[in-house]
Amino acid sequence: MEPEKDLNASLPRIIVVDDDTELLGMLRRYLGEHGFHVSAFTGADQLDRMLQREPYDVLILDVMMPGEDGLSICRRLRAQNHSIPILMLTARGDPIDRIVGLEMGSDDYLAKPFDPRELIARLHAILRRQKMQLNSVTWSCDDVIKFGPFSLNISRMQLERGDHVMALSSMELQLLKVFSANAHRPMSREHLLEKVKGREHESLDRSLDVQVLRLRRKIEDDPSEPKYIRTIWGVGYMFVPDSARD
C-alpha cells in the first residue's frame, strides 16, 4: 500500500466545494481517473479545515450555494492571503457572474453545465501557470522588485508593503511578476494574456482588464490616475516602478 500512497502524493491536489452531491461524486471519479487527487465537500466549514491541514493546488468553487456562497468564500480567502488558484463554477454563465468572480479574486470560471474535458483543460492550464510562477529563472528579473512602498518577492511569490503581506490572488501575482520583468515596456493585452494564461486564452477574454483593475485598487494611491500600471491607449499597459521619482 505504501507505493500507492507515494503515487497519490505526487498527483495534483484538487479540492472541490459544491452543494450538489451528485456533481461532487462525478467530479471525484472523473478527475481521479485523469490523474488528480480529489477532495470534495459540500460547504465552507469543511473547506476551511482542509486548507488548514493540507496544501492544495487548485480550488474548484461553486458560486450558488446555501449559507456562505462561492463568491463570499473567494473574497474571504483572498482577504486572508490565501493564494490558492480558484476556479469558479457559475450556474448560468452570465458575464456579470464571471466579472464579479474575477473581482473577488478567482483565477478562472466555467459555466454549468460544462464538458468535463474542458474542466480538465482549464485545470491543466492553471497548473502550468503555477509552475511558471515557481520557475523564477524563466523571468529575467531580480529576486525582489521594489516600487514605491512595495516589495515584490519573486522567490516567495508575495507582495509586501512594509511588514504587511498584501492579499493577492495567484493570477494577480503572476500578472505583477510579468509586469516587473517588462518594466517600462508597453505590452499588449494579447501578449499579457499569453504570459499569464498561456496560449489557451480566448481572443475576447476580458479577464485581464479586471485583474489590472484589482491590482490598481491595491497598489495605486488613485486607481483612476495610476502611477505604476499605466494604460497605453491603442496598445495595452506599461509598468513604471519608478514613477514616484518622475
C-alpha atoms as a PDB file:
ATOM      1  CA  MET A   1       0.000   0.000   0.000  1.00  0.00           C
ATOM      2  CA  GLU A   2       2.930   2.352   0.562  1.00  0.00           C
ATOM      3  CA  PRO A   3       3.778   2.816  -3.174  1.00  0.00           C
ATOM      4  CA  GLU A   4       0.147   3.844  -3.831  1.00  0.00           C
ATOM      5  CA  LYS A   5       0.392   6.459  -1.090  1.00  0.00           C
ATOM      6  CA  ASP A   6       3.557   7.885  -2.651  1.00  0.00           C
ATOM      7  CA  LEU A   7       1.871   7.971  -6.048  1.00  0.00           C
ATOM      8  CA  ASN A   8      -1.132   9.886  -4.700  1.00  0.00           C
ATOM      9  CA  ALA A   9       1.207  12.350  -3.005  1.00  0.00           C
ATOM     10  CA  SER A  10       2.711  13.222  -6.389  1.00  0.00           C
ATOM     11  CA  LEU A  11      -0.645  13.916  -8.072  1.00  0.00           C
ATOM     12  CA  PRO A  12      -2.039  17.464  -8.407  1.00  0.00           C
ATOM     13  CA  ARG A  13      -4.286  18.063  -5.408  1.00  0.00           C
ATOM     14  CA  ILE A  14      -7.734  19.460  -6.192  1.00  0.00           C
ATOM     15  CA  ILE A  15     -10.355  20.470  -3.645  1.00  0.00           C
ATOM     16  CA  VAL A  16     -13.971  20.854  -4.828  1.00  0.00           C
ATOM     17  CA  VAL A  17     -16.776  22.610  -2.935  1.00  0.00           C
ATOM     18  CA  ASP A  18     -20.321  22.311  -4.292  1.00  0.00           C
ATOM     19  CA  ASP A  19     -23.650  21.613  -2.618  1.00  0.00           C
ATOM     20  CA  ASP A  20     -24.629  19.250  -5.473  1.00  0.00           C
ATOM     21  CA  THR A  21     -23.589  15.843  -4.093  1.00  0.00           C
ATOM     22  CA  GLU A  22     -24.216  14.120  -7.440  1.00  0.00           C
ATOM     23  CA  LEU A  23     -21.860  16.523  -9.202  1.00  0.00           C
ATOM     24  CA  LEU A  24     -19.276  16.066  -6.443  1.00  0.00           C
ATOM     25  CA  GLY A  25     -19.344  12.302  -6.937  1.00  0.00           C
ATOM     26  CA  MET A  26     -18.961  12.664 -10.694  1.00  0.00           C
ATOM     27  CA  LEU A  27     -16.048  15.102 -10.364  1.00  0.00           C
ATOM     28  CA  ARG A  28     -14.313  12.913  -7.799  1.00  0.00           C
ATOM     29  CA  ARG A  29     -14.476   9.919 -10.144  1.00  0.00           C
ATOM     30  CA  TYR A  30     -13.707  11.751 -13.380  1.00  0.00           C
ATOM     31  CA  LEU A  31     -10.832  13.862 -12.076  1.00  0.00           C
ATOM     32  CA  GLY A  32      -9.442  10.845 -10.232  1.00  0.00           C
ATOM     33  CA  GLU A  33      -9.418   8.881 -13.484  1.00  0.00           C
ATOM     34  CA  HIS A  34      -7.488  11.711 -15.167  1.00  0.00           C
ATOM     35  CA  GLY A  35      -4.584  11.978 -12.771  1.00  0.00           C
ATOM     36  CA  PHE A  36      -5.819  14.223  -9.950  1.00  0.00           C
ATOM     37  CA  HIS A  37      -6.063  13.646  -6.223  1.00  0.00           C
ATOM     38  CA  VAL A  38      -9.530  14.991  -5.335  1.00  0.00           C
ATOM     39  CA  SER A  39     -11.128  16.048  -2.047  1.00  0.00           C
ATOM     40  CA  ALA A  40     -14.802  17.037  -2.341  1.00  0.00           C
ATOM     41  CA  PHE A  41     -17.000  18.847   0.197  1.00  0.00           C
ATOM     42  CA  THR A  42     -20.415  20.487   0.357  1.00  0.00           C
ATOM     43  CA  GLY A  43     -19.659  23.550   2.482  1.00  0.00           C
ATOM     44  CA  ALA A  44     -17.209  26.187   3.668  1.00  0.00           C
ATOM     45  CA  ASP A  45     -16.624  24.676   7.129  1.00  0.00           C
ATOM     46  CA  GLN A  46     -15.109  21.510   5.683  1.00  0.00           C
ATOM     47  CA  LEU A  47     -13.109  23.560   3.188  1.00  0.00           C
ATOM     48  CA  ASP A  48     -11.548  25.729   5.891  1.00  0.00           C
ATOM     49  CA  ARG A  49     -10.494  22.703   7.944  1.00  0.00           C
ATOM     50  CA  MET A  50      -8.855  21.020   4.948  1.00  0.00           C
ATOM     51  CA  LEU A  51      -6.996  24.156   3.835  1.00  0.00           C
ATOM     52  CA  GLN A  52      -5.530  24.435   7.326  1.00  0.00           C
ATOM     53  CA  ARG A  53      -4.449  20.781   7.353  1.00  0.00           C
ATOM     54  CA  GLU A  54      -3.097  20.175   3.832  1.00  0.00           C
ATOM     55  CA  PRO A  55      -1.756  22.060   0.808  1.00  0.00           C
ATOM     56  CA  TYR A  56      -3.849  22.010  -2.365  1.00  0.00           C
ATOM     57  CA  ASP A  57      -3.024  23.085  -5.909  1.00  0.00           C
ATOM     58  CA  VAL A  58      -6.464  24.281  -7.102  1.00  0.00           C
ATOM     59  CA  LEU A  59      -9.840  25.047  -5.516  1.00  0.00           C
ATOM     60  CA  ILE A  60     -12.981  24.431  -7.623  1.00  0.00           C
ATOM     61  CA  LEU A  61     -15.724  26.524  -6.043  1.00  0.00           C
ATOM     62  CA  ASP A  62     -19.426  26.683  -6.905  1.00  0.00           C
ATOM     63  CA  VAL A  63     -20.921  30.172  -6.918  1.00  0.00           C
ATOM     64  CA  MET A  64     -24.508  29.319  -5.922  1.00  0.00           C
ATOM     65  CA  MET A  65     -24.523  27.565  -2.553  1.00  0.00           C
ATOM     66  CA  PRO A  66     -26.700  27.926   0.560  1.00  0.00           C
ATOM     67  CA  GLY A  67     -25.124  29.650   3.536  1.00  0.00           C
ATOM     68  CA  GLU A  68     -21.784  31.161   2.565  1.00  0.00           C
ATOM     69  CA  ASP A  69     -21.798  31.219  -1.231  1.00  0.00           C
ATOM     70  CA  GLY A  70     -18.814  30.785  -3.509  1.00  0.00           C
ATOM     71  CA  LEU A  71     -18.224  34.496  -4.091  1.00  0.00           C
ATOM     72  CA  SER A  72     -18.150  35.171  -0.345  1.00  0.00           C
ATOM     73  CA  ILE A  73     -15.766  32.265   0.234  1.00  0.00           C
ATOM     74  CA  CYS A  74     -13.474  33.505  -2.522  1.00  0.00           C
ATOM     75  CA  ARG A  75     -13.433  37.053  -1.154  1.00  0.00           C
ATOM     76  CA  ARG A  76     -12.758  35.804   2.390  1.00  0.00           C
ATOM     77  CA  LEU A  77      -9.883  33.539   1.334  1.00  0.00           C
ATOM     78  CA  ARG A  78      -8.217  36.359  -0.583  1.00  0.00           C
ATOM     79  CA  ALA A  79      -8.609  38.688   2.397  1.00  0.00           C
ATOM     80  CA  GLN A  80      -6.850  36.008   4.488  1.00  0.00           C
ATOM     81  CA  ASN A  81      -3.935  35.967   1.988  1.00  0.00           C
ATOM     82  CA  HIS A  82      -4.784  32.543   0.552  1.00  0.00           C
ATOM     83  CA  SER A  83      -3.208  32.496  -2.910  1.00  0.00           C
ATOM     84  CA  ILE A  84      -4.564  29.087  -3.962  1.00  0.00           C
ATOM     85  CA  PRO A  85      -5.854  29.303  -7.569  1.00  0.00           C
ATOM     86  CA  ILE A  86      -9.669  29.342  -7.624  1.00  0.00           C
ATOM     87  CA  LEU A  87     -11.819  28.145 -10.499  1.00  0.00           C
ATOM     88  CA  MET A  88     -15.434  29.276 -10.089  1.00  0.00           C
ATOM     89  CA  LEU A  89     -18.386  27.225 -11.341  1.00  0.00           C
ATOM     90  CA  THR A  90     -21.246  29.531 -12.372  1.00  0.00           C
ATOM     91  CA  ALA A  91     -24.798  28.253 -12.797  1.00  0.00           C
ATOM     92  CA  ARG A  92     -25.785  30.499 -15.687  1.00  0.00           C
ATOM     93  CA  GLY A  93     -22.654  31.579 -17.472  1.00  0.00           C
ATOM     94  CA  ASP A  94     -23.822  35.173 -17.003  1.00  0.00           C
ATOM     95  CA  PRO A  95     -20.969  37.597 -17.876  1.00  0.00           C
ATOM     96  CA  ILE A  96     -21.812  39.578 -14.726  1.00  0.00           C
ATOM     97  CA  ASP A  97     -21.211  36.458 -12.593  1.00  0.00           C
ATOM     98  CA  ARG A  98     -17.847  35.970 -14.283  1.00  0.00           C
ATOM     99  CA  ILE A  99     -16.761  39.577 -13.767  1.00  0.00           C
ATOM    100  CA  VAL A 100     -17.841  39.586 -10.113  1.00  0.00           C
ATOM    101  CA  GLY A 101     -15.973  36.313  -9.560  1.00  0.00           C
ATOM    102  CA  LEU A 102     -12.799  37.736 -11.070  1.00  0.00           C
ATOM    103  CA  GLU A 103     -13.149  40.891  -8.991  1.00  0.00           C
ATOM    104  CA  MET A 104     -13.431  38.749  -5.853  1.00  0.00           C
ATOM    105  CA  GLY A 105     -10.092  37.134  -6.764  1.00  0.00           C
ATOM    106  CA  SER A 106     -10.908  33.983  -8.740  1.00  0.00           C
ATOM    107  CA  ASP A 107      -8.458  32.890 -11.437  1.00  0.00           C
ATOM    108  CA  ASP A 108     -10.863  31.308 -13.913  1.00  0.00           C
ATOM    109  CA  TYR A 109     -14.513  30.380 -14.351  1.00  0.00           C
ATOM    110  CA  LEU A 110     -16.584  27.708 -16.054  1.00  0.00           C
ATOM    111  CA  ALA A 111     -20.335  27.831 -16.698  1.00  0.00           C
ATOM    112  CA  LYS A 112     -22.638  24.938 -15.827  1.00  0.00           C
ATOM    113  CA  PRO A 113     -23.424  22.649 -17.484  1.00  0.00           C
ATOM    114  CA  PHE A 114     -19.861  22.067 -18.687  1.00  0.00           C
ATOM    115  CA  ASP A 115     -17.946  19.447 -20.603  1.00  0.00           C
ATOM    116  CA  PRO A 116     -15.687  17.618 -18.099  1.00  0.00           C
ATOM    117  CA  ARG A 117     -12.940  17.660 -20.727  1.00  0.00           C
ATOM    118  CA  GLU A 118     -12.963  21.453 -20.672  1.00  0.00           C
ATOM    119  CA  LEU A 119     -12.621  21.379 -16.897  1.00  0.00           C
ATOM    120  CA  ILE A 120      -9.571  19.120 -17.268  1.00  0.00           C
ATOM    121  CA  ALA A 121      -8.066  21.534 -19.816  1.00  0.00           C
ATOM    122  CA  ARG A 122      -8.637  24.518 -17.528  1.00  0.00           C
ATOM    123  CA  LEU A 123      -7.095  22.741 -14.548  1.00  0.00           C
ATOM    124  CA  HIS A 124      -4.002  21.851 -16.568  1.00  0.00           C
ATOM    125  CA  ALA A 125      -3.735  25.484 -17.697  1.00  0.00           C
ATOM    126  CA  ILE A 126      -3.916  26.707 -14.086  1.00  0.00           C
ATOM    127  CA  LEU A 127      -1.266  24.175 -13.022  1.00  0.00           C
ATOM    128  CA  ARG A 128       1.003  25.290 -15.865  1.00  0.00           C
ATOM    129  CA  ARG A 129       0.694  28.880 -14.699  1.00  0.00           C
ATOM    130  CA  GLN A 130       1.547  27.790 -11.163  1.00  0.00           C
ATOM    131  CA  LYS A 131       4.653  26.035 -12.450  1.00  0.00           C
ATOM    132  CA  MET A 132       5.640  29.207 -14.308  1.00  0.00           C
ATOM    133  CA  GLN A 133       5.323  31.178 -11.085  1.00  0.00           C
ATOM    134  CA  LEU A 134       7.670  28.827  -9.257  1.00  0.00           C
ATOM    135  CA  ASN A 135      10.227  28.897 -12.061  1.00  0.00           C
ATOM    136  CA  SER A 136      11.879  32.227 -11.339  1.00  0.00           C
ATOM    137  CA  VAL A 137      14.615  31.571 -13.905  1.00  0.00           C
ATOM    138  CA  THR A 138      12.016  31.850 -16.653  1.00  0.00           C
ATOM    139  CA  TRP A 139      11.687  35.547 -15.864  1.00  0.00           C
ATOM    140  CA  SER A 140      14.890  37.558 -16.060  1.00  0.00           C
ATOM    141  CA  CYS A 141      14.183  39.766 -13.049  1.00  0.00           C
ATOM    142  CA  ASP A 142      15.690  40.270  -9.589  1.00  0.00           C
ATOM    143  CA  ASP A 143      14.591  38.247  -6.616  1.00  0.00           C
ATOM    144  CA  VAL A 144      12.958  41.322  -5.034  1.00  0.00           C
ATOM    145  CA  ILE A 145      11.396  44.114  -7.086  1.00  0.00           C
ATOM    146  CA  LYS A 146      10.819  47.379  -5.228  1.00  0.00           C
ATOM    147  CA  PHE A 147       8.444  50.105  -6.340  1.00  0.00           C
ATOM    148  CA  GLY A 148       7.073  52.879  -4.183  1.00  0.00           C
ATOM    149  CA  PRO A 149       6.394  51.407  -0.713  1.00  0.00           C
ATOM    150  CA  PHE A 150       6.042  47.878  -2.139  1.00  0.00           C
ATOM    151  CA  SER A 151       8.390  44.891  -2.466  1.00  0.00           C
ATOM    152  CA  LEU A 152       7.557  42.004  -4.774  1.00  0.00           C
ATOM    153  CA  ASN A 153       9.394  38.919  -3.524  1.00  0.00           C
ATOM    154  CA  ILE A 154       9.762  36.659  -6.567  1.00  0.00           C
ATOM    155  CA  SER A 155      11.018  33.552  -4.761  1.00  0.00           C
ATOM    156  CA  ARG A 156       8.187  33.625  -2.179  1.00  0.00           C
ATOM    157  CA  MET A 157       5.655  34.990  -4.692  1.00  0.00           C
ATOM    158  CA  GLN A 158       4.231  37.621  -2.377  1.00  0.00           C
ATOM    159  CA  LEU A 159       3.807  41.383  -2.395  1.00  0.00           C
ATOM    160  CA  GLU A 160       4.749  43.235   0.763  1.00  0.00           C
ATOM    161  CA  ARG A 161       4.144  46.763   1.974  1.00  0.00           C
ATOM    162  CA  GLY A 162       6.465  47.238   4.897  1.00  0.00           C
ATOM    163  CA  ASP A 163       5.850  44.265   7.196  1.00  0.00           C
ATOM    164  CA  HIS A 164       2.391  43.625   5.756  1.00  0.00           C
ATOM    165  CA  VAL A 165       1.809  40.924   3.138  1.00  0.00           C
ATOM    166  CA  MET A 166      -0.752  42.083   0.586  1.00  0.00           C
ATOM    167  CA  ALA A 167      -3.739  39.843  -0.218  1.00  0.00           C
ATOM    168  CA  LEU A 168      -3.281  38.977  -3.904  1.00  0.00           C
ATOM    169  CA  SER A 169      -4.651  36.095  -5.941  1.00  0.00           C
ATOM    170  CA  SER A 170      -2.285  33.807  -7.830  1.00  0.00           C
ATOM    171  CA  MET A 171      -3.360  35.447 -11.107  1.00  0.00           C
ATOM    172  CA  GLU A 172      -2.644  38.925  -9.742  1.00  0.00           C
ATOM    173  CA  LEU A 173       0.779  37.806  -8.539  1.00  0.00           C
ATOM    174  CA  GLN A 174       1.539  36.263 -11.912  1.00  0.00           C
ATOM    175  CA  LEU A 175       0.470  39.444 -13.693  1.00  0.00           C
ATOM    176  CA  LEU A 176       2.576  41.630 -11.405  1.00  0.00           C
ATOM    177  CA  LYS A 177       5.533  39.324 -11.969  1.00  0.00           C
ATOM    178  CA  VAL A 178       5.177  39.672 -15.743  1.00  0.00           C
ATOM    179  CA  PHE A 179       4.902  43.433 -15.393  1.00  0.00           C
ATOM    180  CA  SER A 180       8.035  43.598 -13.226  1.00  0.00           C
ATOM    181  CA  ALA A 181      10.020  41.581 -15.756  1.00  0.00           C
ATOM    182  CA  ASN A 182       8.996  44.028 -18.501  1.00  0.00           C
ATOM    183  CA  ALA A 183       9.191  47.385 -16.736  1.00  0.00           C
ATOM    184  CA  HIS A 184       8.901  50.473 -18.984  1.00  0.00           C
ATOM    185  CA  ARG A 185       7.893  48.246 -21.894  1.00  0.00           C
ATOM    186  CA  PRO A 186       4.400  48.721 -23.397  1.00  0.00           C
ATOM    187  CA  MET A 187       2.675  45.319 -23.509  1.00  0.00           C
ATOM    188  CA  SER A 188      -0.431  44.466 -25.484  1.00  0.00           C
ATOM    189  CA  ARG A 189      -3.378  42.738 -23.831  1.00  0.00           C
ATOM    190  CA  GLU A 190      -2.825  39.731 -26.105  1.00  0.00           C
ATOM    191  CA  HIS A 191       0.811  39.412 -25.020  1.00  0.00           C
ATOM    192  CA  LEU A 192      -0.056  39.779 -21.333  1.00  0.00           C
ATOM    193  CA  LEU A 193      -2.835  37.198 -21.598  1.00  0.00           C
ATOM    194  CA  GLU A 194      -0.478  34.724 -23.231  1.00  0.00           C
ATOM    195  CA  LYS A 195       2.070  35.250 -20.451  1.00  0.00           C
ATOM    196  CA  VAL A 196      -0.368  34.806 -17.569  1.00  0.00           C
ATOM    197  CA  LYS A 197      -2.905  32.365 -19.052  1.00  0.00           C
ATOM    198  CA  GLY A 198      -0.980  30.582 -21.812  1.00  0.00           C
ATOM    199  CA  ARG A 199      -1.973  30.075 -25.425  1.00  0.00           C
ATOM    200  CA  GLU A 200      -5.354  28.610 -24.488  1.00  0.00           C
ATOM    201  CA  HIS A 201      -6.866  32.007 -23.624  1.00  0.00           C
ATOM    202  CA  GLU A 202      -9.886  33.192 -25.584  1.00  0.00           C
ATOM    203  CA  SER A 203      -9.412  36.034 -28.073  1.00  0.00           C
ATOM    204  CA  LEU A 204     -12.204  38.078 -26.422  1.00  0.00           C
ATOM    205  CA  ASP A 205     -11.091  37.343 -22.861  1.00  0.00           C
ATOM    206  CA  ARG A 206     -11.631  40.499 -20.784  1.00  0.00           C
ATOM    207  CA  SER A 207     -10.418  38.991 -17.513  1.00  0.00           C
ATOM    208  CA  LEU A 208      -7.084  40.809 -17.894  1.00  0.00           C
ATOM    209  CA  ASP A 209      -8.721  44.214 -17.523  1.00  0.00           C
ATOM    210  CA  VAL A 210     -10.495  43.023 -14.372  1.00  0.00           C
ATOM    211  CA  GLN A 211      -7.211  41.770 -12.889  1.00  0.00           C
ATOM    212  CA  VAL A 212      -5.456  45.043 -13.753  1.00  0.00           C
ATOM    213  CA  LEU A 213      -8.274  46.980 -12.087  1.00  0.00           C
ATOM    214  CA  ARG A 214      -7.950  44.820  -8.952  1.00  0.00           C
ATOM    215  CA  LEU A 215      -4.181  45.394  -8.852  1.00  0.00           C
ATOM    216  CA  ARG A 216      -4.613  49.134  -9.259  1.00  0.00           C
ATOM    217  CA  ARG A 217      -7.060  49.244  -6.357  1.00  0.00           C
ATOM    218  CA  LYS A 218      -4.437  47.578  -4.166  1.00  0.00           C
ATOM    219  CA  ILE A 219      -1.246  49.410  -5.158  1.00  0.00           C
ATOM    220  CA  GLU A 220      -2.260  52.778  -6.569  1.00  0.00           C
ATOM    221  CA  ASP A 221      -2.998  55.840  -4.419  1.00  0.00           C
ATOM    222  CA  ASP A 222      -5.612  56.825  -7.009  1.00  0.00           C
ATOM    223  CA  PRO A 223      -6.641  53.900  -9.271  1.00  0.00           C
ATOM    224  CA  SER A 224      -8.257  56.354 -11.698  1.00  0.00           C
ATOM    225  CA  GLU A 225      -4.877  58.065 -12.153  1.00  0.00           C
ATOM    226  CA  PRO A 226      -2.438  55.130 -11.924  1.00  0.00           C
ATOM    227  CA  LYS A 227       1.281  55.755 -11.478  1.00  0.00           C
ATOM    228  CA  TYR A 228       2.583  52.193 -11.680  1.00  0.00           C
ATOM    229  CA  ILE A 229       0.296  50.329 -14.094  1.00  0.00           C
ATOM    230  CA  ARG A 230      -0.392  52.800 -16.864  1.00  0.00           C
ATOM    231  CA  THR A 231      -2.768  52.416 -19.768  1.00  0.00           C
ATOM    232  CA  ILE A 232      -1.129  52.881 -23.152  1.00  0.00           C
ATOM    233  CA  TRP A 233      -4.029  53.709 -25.430  1.00  0.00           C
ATOM    234  CA  GLY A 234      -4.173  51.586 -28.558  1.00  0.00           C
ATOM    235  CA  VAL A 235      -1.550  49.199 -27.131  1.00  0.00           C
ATOM    236  CA  GLY A 236      -2.292  47.880 -23.645  1.00  0.00           C
ATOM    237  CA  TYR A 237      -0.444  48.532 -20.390  1.00  0.00           C
ATOM    238  CA  MET A 238       3.010  49.525 -19.130  1.00  0.00           C
ATOM    239  CA  PHE A 239       4.520  49.026 -15.675  1.00  0.00           C
ATOM    240  CA  VAL A 240       6.503  52.023 -14.359  1.00  0.00           C
ATOM    241  CA  PRO A 241       8.035  51.013 -10.995  1.00  0.00           C
ATOM    242  CA  ASP A 242       9.992  54.230 -10.502  1.00  0.00           C
ATOM    243  CA  SER A 243       7.074  56.535 -11.302  1.00  0.00           C
ATOM    244  CA  ALA A 244       7.266  58.152  -7.858  1.00  0.00           C
ATOM    245  CA  ARG A 245      10.581  59.718  -8.948  1.00  0.00           C
ATOM    246  CA  ASP A 246       9.202  61.022 -12.298  1.00  0.00           C
END
